[in-house]
Amino acid sequence: MVKDYAQDLSEMGQPVSLGTVLAAAWGRTLAALGPRCPYRVGDTVIGDDPFSGRREGVVVWQDRRSVGVKTAHGVFFFDHRLVKPLD
């Protein structure tokens, strides 16, 4: 979600330095270029994990690097690299 405003902390009694602003911008840039989960909520997938086994279900939660797959046995969380789309 993109904000169309920036909070001015100098009016709240806290000075804002140029280094702080640049560090925050650099952190957002690195996060945008980092790995992202290609699956969306509602996608039908198969998660194959050596510890929890192979599970087939629907994505109910997704983060930048992991997904929550709802199966008949509950919700299992997988790294997005261990999940494949169901054909």
PDB file of N, CA and C in Angstrom:
ATOM      1  N   MET A   1       0.836  -1.151   0.000  1.00  0.00           N
ATOM      2  CA  MET A   1       0.000   0.000   0.000  1.00  0.00           C
ATOM      3  C   MET A   1       0.897   1.235   0.000  1.00  0.00           C
ATOM      4  N   VAL A   2       0.630   2.137  -0.895  1.00  0.00           N
ATOM      5  CA  VAL A   2       1.451   3.332  -1.054  1.00  0.00           C
ATOM      6  C   VAL A   2       0.815   4.479  -0.291  1.00  0.00           C
ATOM      7  N   LYS A   3       1.620   5.161   0.498  1.00  0.00           N
ATOM      8  CA  LYS A   3       1.140   6.330   1.219  1.00  0.00           C
ATOM      9  C   LYS A   3       1.361   7.562   0.354  1.00  0.00           C
ATOM     10  N   ASP A   4       0.397   8.450   0.347  1.00  0.00           N
ATOM     11  CA  ASP A   4       0.539   9.677  -0.425  1.00  0.00           C
ATOM     12  C   ASP A   4       0.963  10.841   0.460  1.00  0.00           C
ATOM     13  N   TYR A   5       1.434  10.527   1.666  1.00  0.00           N
ATOM     14  CA  TYR A   5       1.902  11.562   2.558  1.00  0.00           C
ATOM     15  C   TYR A   5       3.070  11.019   3.372  1.00  0.00           C
ATOM     16  N   ALA A   6       3.835  11.921   3.946  1.00  0.00           N
ATOM     17  CA  ALA A   6       4.926  11.547   4.842  1.00  0.00           C
ATOM     18  C   ALA A   6       4.749  12.326   6.136  1.00  0.00           C
ATOM     19  N   GLN A   7       4.772  11.610   7.244  1.00  0.00           N
ATOM     20  CA  GLN A   7       4.578  12.262   8.533  1.00  0.00           C
ATOM     21  C   GLN A   7       5.798  13.120   8.851  1.00  0.00           C
ATOM     22  N   ASP A   8       5.561  14.354   9.215  1.00  0.00           N
ATOM     23  CA  ASP A   8       6.629  15.279   9.560  1.00  0.00           C
ATOM     24  C   ASP A   8       6.864  15.201  11.057  1.00  0.00           C
ATOM     25  N   LEU A   9       7.908  14.481  11.461  1.00  0.00           N
ATOM     26  CA  LEU A   9       8.181  14.284  12.873  1.00  0.00           C
ATOM     27  C   LEU A   9       8.766  15.525  13.534  1.00  0.00           C
ATOM     28  N   SER A  10       9.243  16.494  12.737  1.00  0.00           N
ATOM     29  CA  SER A  10       9.818  17.691  13.341  1.00  0.00           C
ATOM     30  C   SER A  10       8.751  18.524  14.049  1.00  0.00           C
ATOM     31  N   GLU A  11       7.504  18.444  13.609  1.00  0.00           N
ATOM     32  CA  GLU A  11       6.426  19.160  14.278  1.00  0.00           C
ATOM     33  C   GLU A  11       6.040  18.483  15.585  1.00  0.00           C
ATOM     34  N   MET A  12       6.420  17.234  15.775  1.00  0.00           N
ATOM     35  CA  MET A  12       6.075  16.498  16.989  1.00  0.00           C
ATOM     36  C   MET A  12       7.188  16.605  18.034  1.00  0.00           C
ATOM     37  N   GLY A  13       8.200  17.439  17.792  1.00  0.00           N
ATOM     38  CA  GLY A  13       9.271  17.619  18.741  1.00  0.00           C
ATOM     39  C   GLY A  13      10.432  16.665  18.544  1.00  0.00           C
ATOM     40  N   GLN A  14      10.397  15.857  17.485  1.00  0.00           N
ATOM     41  CA  GLN A  14      11.478  14.924  17.198  1.00  0.00           C
ATOM     42  C   GLN A  14      12.138  15.342  15.889  1.00  0.00           C
ATOM     43  N   PRO A  15      13.406  15.704  15.932  1.00  0.00           N
ATOM     44  CA  PRO A  15      14.063  16.135  14.696  1.00  0.00           C
ATOM     45  C   PRO A  15      14.253  14.961  13.728  1.00  0.00           C
ATOM     46  N   VAL A  16      14.190  15.265  12.443  1.00  0.00           N
ATOM     47  CA  VAL A  16      14.372  14.278  11.398  1.00  0.00           C
ATOM     48  C   VAL A  16      15.668  14.597  10.672  1.00  0.00           C
ATOM     49  N   SER A  17      16.554  13.614  10.605  1.00  0.00           N
ATOM     50  CA  SER A  17      17.820  13.845   9.910  1.00  0.00           C
ATOM     51  C   SER A  17      17.739  13.279   8.500  1.00  0.00           C
ATOM     52  N   LEU A  18      18.589  13.790   7.648  1.00  0.00           N
ATOM     53  CA  LEU A  18      18.645  13.314   6.272  1.00  0.00           C
ATOM     54  C   LEU A  18      19.067  11.841   6.233  1.00  0.00           C
ATOM     55  N   GLY A  19      19.963  11.439   7.126  1.00  0.00           N
ATOM     56  CA  GLY A  19      20.405  10.044   7.175  1.00  0.00           C
ATOM     57  C   GLY A  19      19.280   9.083   7.512  1.00  0.00           C
ATOM     58  N   THR A  20      18.397   9.488   8.407  1.00  0.00           N
ATOM     59  CA  THR A  20      17.252   8.650   8.764  1.00  0.00           C
ATOM     60  C   THR A  20      16.309   8.482   7.591  1.00  0.00           C
ATOM     61  N   VAL A  21      16.062   9.555   6.882  1.00  0.00           N
ATOM     62  CA  VAL A  21      15.177   9.501   5.717  1.00  0.00           C
ATOM     63  C   VAL A  21      15.784   8.626   4.630  1.00  0.00           C
ATOM     64  N   LEU A  22      17.086   8.784   4.374  1.00  0.00           N
ATOM     65  CA  LEU A  22      17.745   7.974   3.353  1.00  0.00           C
ATOM     66  C   LEU A  22      17.796   6.504   3.748  1.00  0.00           C
ATOM     67  N   ALA A  23      18.013   6.212   5.021  1.00  0.00           N
ATOM     68  CA  ALA A  23      18.041   4.822   5.476  1.00  0.00           C
ATOM     69  C   ALA A  23      16.677   4.169   5.306  1.00  0.00           C
ATOM     70  N   ALA A  24      15.614   4.890   5.601  1.00  0.00           N
ATOM     71  CA  ALA A  24      14.270   4.350   5.420  1.00  0.00           C
ATOM     72  C   ALA A  24      13.971   4.106   3.938  1.00  0.00           C
ATOM     73  N   ALA A  25      14.375   5.028   3.077  1.00  0.00           N
ATOM     74  CA  ALA A  25      14.158   4.862   1.631  1.00  0.00           C
ATOM     75  C   ALA A  25      14.957   3.683   1.095  1.00  0.00           C
ATOM     76  N   TRP A  26      16.186   3.521   1.576  1.00  0.00           N
ATOM     77  CA  TRP A  26      17.023   2.396   1.135  1.00  0.00           C
ATOM     78  C   TRP A  26      16.414   1.064   1.579  1.00  0.00           C
ATOM     79  N   GLY A  27      15.877   1.008   2.771  1.00  0.00           N
ATOM     80  CA  GLY A  27      15.224  -0.210   3.265  1.00  0.00           C
ATOM     81  C   GLY A  27      13.998  -0.571   2.444  1.00  0.00           C
ATOM     82  N   ARG A  28      13.201   0.421   2.065  1.00  0.00           N
ATOM     83  CA  ARG A  28      12.037   0.154   1.206  1.00  0.00           C
ATOM     84  C   ARG A  28      12.459  -0.317  -0.170  1.00  0.00           C
ATOM     85  N   THR A  29      13.564   0.231  -0.697  1.00  0.00           N
ATOM     86  CA  THR A  29      14.065  -0.190  -2.007  1.00  0.00           C
ATOM     87  C   THR A  29      14.524  -1.642  -1.965  1.00  0.00           C
ATOM     88  N   LEU A  30      15.257  -2.015  -0.932  1.00  0.00           N
ATOM     89  CA  LEU A  30      15.712  -3.400  -0.817  1.00  0.00           C
ATOM     90  C   LEU A  30      14.550  -4.369  -0.645  1.00  0.00           C
ATOM     91  N   ALA A  31      13.524  -3.966   0.093  1.00  0.00           N
ATOM     92  CA  ALA A  31      12.358  -4.825   0.271  1.00  0.00           C
ATOM     93  C   ALA A  31      11.603  -5.016  -1.039  1.00  0.00           C
ATOM     94  N   ALA A  32      11.548  -3.966  -1.864  1.00  0.00           N
ATOM     95  CA  ALA A  32      10.846  -4.068  -3.145  1.00  0.00           C
ATOM     96  C   ALA A  32      11.581  -4.973  -4.119  1.00  0.00           C
ATOM     97  N   LEU A  33      12.903  -5.026  -4.023  1.00  0.00           N
ATOM     98  CA  LEU A  33      13.686  -5.848  -4.937  1.00  0.00           C
ATOM     99  C   LEU A  33      13.894  -7.268  -4.418  1.00  0.00           C
ATOM    100  N   GLY A  34      13.468  -7.553  -3.210  1.00  0.00           N
ATOM    101  CA  GLY A  34      13.646  -8.872  -2.610  1.00  0.00           C
ATOM    102  C   GLY A  34      12.671  -9.898  -3.183  1.00  0.00           C
ATOM    103  N   PRO A  35      12.800 -11.154  -2.738  1.00  0.00           N
ATOM    104  CA  PRO A  35      11.915 -12.202  -3.253  1.00  0.00           C
ATOM    105  C   PRO A  35      10.468 -11.980  -2.816  1.00  0.00           C
ATOM    106  N   ARG A  36       9.556 -12.298  -3.711  1.00  0.00           N
ATOM    107  CA  ARG A  36       8.132 -12.155  -3.430  1.00  0.00           C
ATOM    108  C   ARG A  36       7.423 -13.468  -3.695  1.00  0.00           C
ATOM    109  N   CYS A  37       6.343 -13.682  -3.011  1.00  0.00           N
ATOM    110  CA  CYS A  37       5.541 -14.883  -3.185  1.00  0.00           C
ATOM    111  C   CYS A  37       4.681 -14.734  -4.445  1.00  0.00           C
ATOM    112  N   PRO A  38       4.755 -15.694  -5.381  1.00  0.00           N
ATOM    113  CA  PRO A  38       3.971 -15.569  -6.617  1.00  0.00           C
ATOM    114  C   PRO A  38       2.514 -16.013  -6.466  1.00  0.00           C
ATOM    115  N   TYR A  39       2.116 -16.537  -5.321  1.00  0.00           N
ATOM    116  CA  TYR A  39       0.761 -17.059  -5.129  1.00  0.00           C
ATOM    117  C   TYR A  39      -0.119 -16.040  -4.426  1.00  0.00           C
ATOM    118  N   ARG A  40      -1.401 -16.073  -4.720  1.00  0.00           N
ATOM    119  CA  ARG A  40      -2.366 -15.153  -4.124  1.00  0.00           C
ATOM    120  C   ARG A  40      -3.374 -15.957  -3.309  1.00  0.00           C
ATOM    121  N   VAL A  41      -4.069 -15.283  -2.424  1.00  0.00           N
ATOM    122  CA  VAL A  41      -5.104 -15.928  -1.627  1.00  0.00           C
ATOM    123  C   VAL A  41      -6.190 -16.453  -2.566  1.00  0.00           C
ATOM    124  N   GLY A  42      -6.546 -17.723  -2.393  1.00  0.00           N
ATOM    125  CA  GLY A  42      -7.556 -18.359  -3.243  1.00  0.00           C
ATOM    126  C   GLY A  42      -6.978 -19.307  -4.272  1.00  0.00           C
ATOM    127  N   ASP A  43      -5.665 -19.266  -4.508  1.00  0.00           N
ATOM    128  CA  ASP A  43      -5.040 -20.178  -5.463  1.00  0.00           C
ATOM    129  C   ASP A  43      -5.007 -21.595  -4.886  1.00  0.00           C
ATOM    130  N   THR A  44      -5.245 -22.596  -5.740  1.00  0.00           N
ATOM    131  CA  THR A  44      -5.158 -23.989  -5.334  1.00  0.00           C
ATOM    132  C   THR A  44      -3.747 -24.471  -5.612  1.00  0.00           C
ATOM    133  N   VAL A  45      -3.082 -25.004  -4.576  1.00  0.00           N
ATOM    134  CA  VAL A  45      -1.671 -25.367  -4.681  1.00  0.00           C
ATOM    135  C   VAL A  45      -1.405 -26.710  -3.994  1.00  0.00           C
ATOM    136  N   ILE A  46      -0.196 -27.230  -4.252  1.00  0.00           N
ATOM    137  CA  ILE A  46       0.316 -28.407  -3.556  1.00  0.00           C
ATOM    138  C   ILE A  46       1.612 -27.989  -2.878  1.00  0.00           C
ATOM    139  N   GLY A  47       1.681 -28.172  -1.570  1.00  0.00           N
ATOM    140  CA  GLY A  47       2.889 -27.877  -0.815  1.00  0.00           C
ATOM    141  C   GLY A  47       3.609 -29.168  -0.491  1.00  0.00           C
ATOM    142  N   ASP A  48       4.884 -29.267  -0.836  1.00  0.00           N
ATOM    143  CA  ASP A  48       5.651 -30.486  -0.607  1.00  0.00           C
ATOM    144  C   ASP A  48       6.833 -30.153   0.296  1.00  0.00           C
ATOM    145  N   ASP A  49       6.711 -30.508   1.565  1.00  0.00           N
ATOM    146  CA  ASP A  49       7.726 -30.217   2.564  1.00  0.00           C
ATOM    147  C   ASP A  49       8.231 -31.535   3.141  1.00  0.00           C
ATOM    148  N   PRO A  50       9.551 -31.721   3.308  1.00  0.00           N
ATOM    149  CA  PRO A  50      10.057 -32.983   3.838  1.00  0.00           C
ATOM    150  C   PRO A  50       9.615 -33.259   5.278  1.00  0.00           C
ATOM    151  N   PHE A  51       9.236 -32.229   6.037  1.00  0.00           N
ATOM    152  CA  PHE A  51       8.853 -32.427   7.432  1.00  0.00           C
ATOM    153  C   PHE A  51       7.347 -32.629   7.604  1.00  0.00           C
ATOM    154  N   SER A  52       6.533 -31.813   6.936  1.00  0.00           N
ATOM    155  CA  SER A  52       5.081 -31.945   7.094  1.00  0.00           C
ATOM    156  C   SER A  52       4.437 -32.740   5.970  1.00  0.00           C
ATOM    157  N   GLY A  53       5.193 -33.147   4.965  1.00  0.00           N
ATOM    158  CA  GLY A  53       4.665 -33.977   3.882  1.00  0.00           C
ATOM    159  C   GLY A  53       4.017 -33.159   2.779  1.00  0.00           C
ATOM    160  N   ARG A  54       3.378 -33.881   1.862  1.00  0.00           N
ATOM    161  CA  ARG A  54       2.717 -33.242   0.730  1.00  0.00           C
ATOM    162  C   ARG A  54       1.283 -32.922   1.105  1.00  0.00           C
ATOM    163  N   ARG A  55       0.913 -31.657   0.919  1.00  0.00           N
ATOM    164  CA  ARG A  55      -0.431 -31.192   1.278  1.00  0.00           C
ATOM    165  C   ARG A  55      -1.035 -30.447   0.101  1.00  0.00           C
ATOM    166  N   GLU A  56      -2.290 -30.718  -0.172  1.00  0.00           N
ATOM    167  CA  GLU A  56      -3.018 -30.037  -1.236  1.00  0.00           C
ATOM    168  C   GLU A  56      -4.089 -29.173  -0.604  1.00  0.00           C
ATOM    169  N   GLY A  57      -4.185 -27.931  -1.055  1.00  0.00           N
ATOM    170  CA  GLY A  57      -5.191 -27.052  -0.475  1.00  0.00           C
ATOM    171  C   GLY A  57      -5.248 -25.697  -1.145  1.00  0.00           C
ATOM    172  N   VAL A  58      -5.852 -24.773  -0.459  1.00  0.00           N
ATOM    173  CA  VAL A  58      -6.078 -23.419  -0.966  1.00  0.00           C
ATOM    174  C   VAL A  58      -5.258 -22.439  -0.134  1.00  0.00           C
ATOM    175  N   VAL A  59      -4.643 -21.476  -0.799  1.00  0.00           N
ATOM    176  CA  VAL A  59      -3.858 -20.456  -0.106  1.00  0.00           C
ATOM    177  C   VAL A  59      -4.823 -19.538   0.649  1.00  0.00           C
ATOM    178  N   VAL A  60      -4.636 -19.448   1.976  1.00  0.00           N
ATOM    179  CA  VAL A  60      -5.473 -18.572   2.793  1.00  0.00           C
ATOM    180  C   VAL A  60      -4.682 -17.419   3.385  1.00  0.00           C
ATOM    181  N   TRP A  61      -3.365 -17.485   3.298  1.00  0.00           N
ATOM    182  CA  TRP A  61      -2.506 -16.436   3.842  1.00  0.00           C
ATOM    183  C   TRP A  61      -1.234 -16.409   3.026  1.00  0.00           C
ATOM    184  N   GLN A  62      -0.755 -15.216   2.691  1.00  0.00           N
ATOM    185  CA  GLN A  62       0.505 -15.117   1.955  1.00  0.00           C
ATOM    186  C   GLN A  62       1.300 -13.934   2.457  1.00  0.00           C
ATOM    187  N   ASP A  63       2.606 -14.146   2.472  1.00  0.00           N
ATOM    188  CA  ASP A  63       3.550 -13.143   2.922  1.00  0.00           C
ATOM    189  C   ASP A  63       4.556 -12.982   1.788  1.00  0.00           C
ATOM    190  N   ARG A  64       5.588 -12.216   1.976  1.00  0.00           N
ATOM    191  CA  ARG A  64       6.590 -12.053   0.924  1.00  0.00           C
ATOM    192  C   ARG A  64       7.307 -13.351   0.616  1.00  0.00           C
ATOM    193  N   ARG A  65       7.484 -14.220   1.598  1.00  0.00           N
ATOM    194  CA  ARG A  65       8.273 -15.433   1.391  1.00  0.00           C
ATOM    195  C   ARG A  65       7.565 -16.723   1.750  1.00  0.00           C
ATOM    196  N   SER A  66       6.366 -16.670   2.284  1.00  0.00           N
ATOM    197  CA  SER A  66       5.691 -17.895   2.697  1.00  0.00           C
ATOM    198  C   SER A  66       4.201 -17.820   2.419  1.00  0.00           C
ATOM    199  N   VAL A  67       3.568 -18.997   2.430  1.00  0.00           N
ATOM    200  CA  VAL A  67       2.129 -19.092   2.211  1.00  0.00           C
ATOM    201  C   VAL A  67       1.523 -20.003   3.267  1.00  0.00           C
ATOM    202  N   GLY A  68       0.277 -19.736   3.612  1.00  0.00           N
ATOM    203  CA  GLY A  68      -0.503 -20.606   4.482  1.00  0.00           C
ATOM    204  C   GLY A  68      -1.491 -21.358   3.621  1.00  0.00           C
ATOM    205  N   VAL A  69      -1.438 -22.699   3.657  1.00  0.00           N
ATOM    206  CA  VAL A  69      -2.294 -23.527   2.818  1.00  0.00           C
ATOM    207  C   VAL A  69      -3.312 -24.222   3.717  1.00  0.00           C
ATOM    208  N   LYS A  70      -4.597 -23.988   3.457  1.00  0.00           N
ATOM    209  CA  LYS A  70      -5.656 -24.633   4.227  1.00  0.00           C
ATOM    210  C   LYS A  70      -5.987 -25.962   3.573  1.00  0.00           C
ATOM    211  N   THR A  71      -5.840 -27.031   4.353  1.00  0.00           N
ATOM    212  CA  THR A  71      -6.130 -28.377   3.877  1.00  0.00           C
ATOM    213  C   THR A  71      -7.270 -28.947   4.716  1.00  0.00           C
ATOM    214  N   ALA A  72      -7.592 -30.213   4.458  1.00  0.00           N
ATOM    215  CA  ALA A  72      -8.619 -30.891   5.250  1.00  0.00           C
ATOM    216  C   ALA A  72      -8.140 -31.124   6.679  1.00  0.00           C
ATOM    217  N   HIS A  73      -6.829 -31.079   6.912  1.00  0.00           N
ATOM    218  CA  HIS A  73      -6.254 -31.349   8.227  1.00  0.00           C
ATOM    219  C   HIS A  73      -5.833 -30.081   8.963  1.00  0.00           C
ATOM    220  N   GLY A  74      -6.134 -28.924   8.428  1.00  0.00           N
ATOM    221  CA  GLY A  74      -5.772 -27.667   9.070  1.00  0.00           C
ATOM    222  C   GLY A  74      -4.979 -26.775   8.139  1.00  0.00           C
ATOM    223  N   VAL A  75      -4.375 -25.746   8.705  1.00  0.00           N
ATOM    224  CA  VAL A  75      -3.575 -24.795   7.929  1.00  0.00           C
ATOM    225  C   VAL A  75      -2.101 -25.114   8.130  1.00  0.00           C
ATOM    226  N   PHE A  76      -1.373 -25.248   7.022  1.00  0.00           N
ATOM    227  CA  PHE A  76       0.065 -25.513   7.050  1.00  0.00           C
ATOM    228  C   PHE A  76       0.770 -24.353   6.363  1.00  0.00           C
ATOM    229  N   PHE A  77       1.918 -23.983   6.916  1.00  0.00           N
ATOM    230  CA  PHE A  77       2.684 -22.870   6.373  1.00  0.00           C
ATOM    231  C   PHE A  77       3.901 -23.413   5.637  1.00  0.00           C
ATOM    232  N   PHE A  78       4.097 -22.952   4.396  1.00  0.00           N
ATOM    233  CA  PHE A  78       5.180 -23.408   3.541  1.00  0.00           C
ATOM    234  C   PHE A  78       5.980 -22.215   3.040  1.00  0.00           C
ATOM    235  N   ASP A  79       7.253 -22.463   2.775  1.00  0.00           N
ATOM    236  CA  ASP A  79       8.062 -21.511   2.029  1.00  0.00           C
ATOM    237  C   ASP A  79       7.520 -21.505   0.598  1.00  0.00           C
ATOM    238  N   HIS A  80       7.456 -20.347  -0.030  1.00  0.00           N
ATOM    239  CA  HIS A  80       6.838 -20.280  -1.359  1.00  0.00           C
ATOM    240  C   HIS A  80       7.601 -21.084  -2.404  1.00  0.00           C
ATOM    241  N   ARG A  81       8.861 -21.415  -2.141  1.00  0.00           N
ATOM    242  CA  ARG A  81       9.628 -22.212  -3.092  1.00  0.00           C
ATOM    243  C   ARG A  81       9.244 -23.687  -3.044  1.00  0.00           C
ATOM    244  N   LEU A  82       8.563 -24.120  -1.988  1.00  0.00           N
ATOM    245  CA  LEU A  82       8.140 -25.513  -1.846  1.00  0.00           C
ATOM    246  C   LEU A  82       6.709 -25.752  -2.298  1.00  0.00           C
ATOM    247  N   VAL A  83       6.084 -24.734  -2.855  1.00  0.00           N
ATOM    248  CA  VAL A  83       4.682 -24.813  -3.268  1.00  0.00           C
ATOM    249  C   VAL A  83       4.612 -24.763  -4.782  1.00  0.00           C
ATOM    250  N   LYS A  84       3.763 -25.623  -5.343  1.00  0.00           N
ATOM    251  CA  LYS A  84       3.543 -25.674  -6.799  1.00  0.00           C
ATOM    252  C   LYS A  84       2.062 -25.474  -7.086  1.00  0.00           C
ATOM    253  N   PRO A  85       1.717 -24.850  -8.200  1.00  0.00           N
ATOM    254  CA  PRO A  85       0.287 -24.715  -8.540  1.00  0.00           C
ATOM    255  C   PRO A  85      -0.318 -26.065  -8.907  1.00  0.00           C
ATOM    256  N   LEU A  86      -1.570 -26.244  -8.559  1.00  0.00           N
ATOM    257  CA  LEU A  86      -2.274 -27.484  -8.876  1.00  0.00           C
ATOM    258  C   LEU A  86      -2.757 -27.416 -10.314  1.00  0.00           C
ATOM    259  N   ASP A  87      -2.440 -28.447 -11.087  1.00  0.00           N
ATOM    260  CA  ASP A  87      -2.857 -28.464 -12.505  1.00  0.00           C
ATOM    261  C   ASP A  87      -4.200 -29.106 -12.686  1.00  0.00           C
TER     262      ASP A  87
END
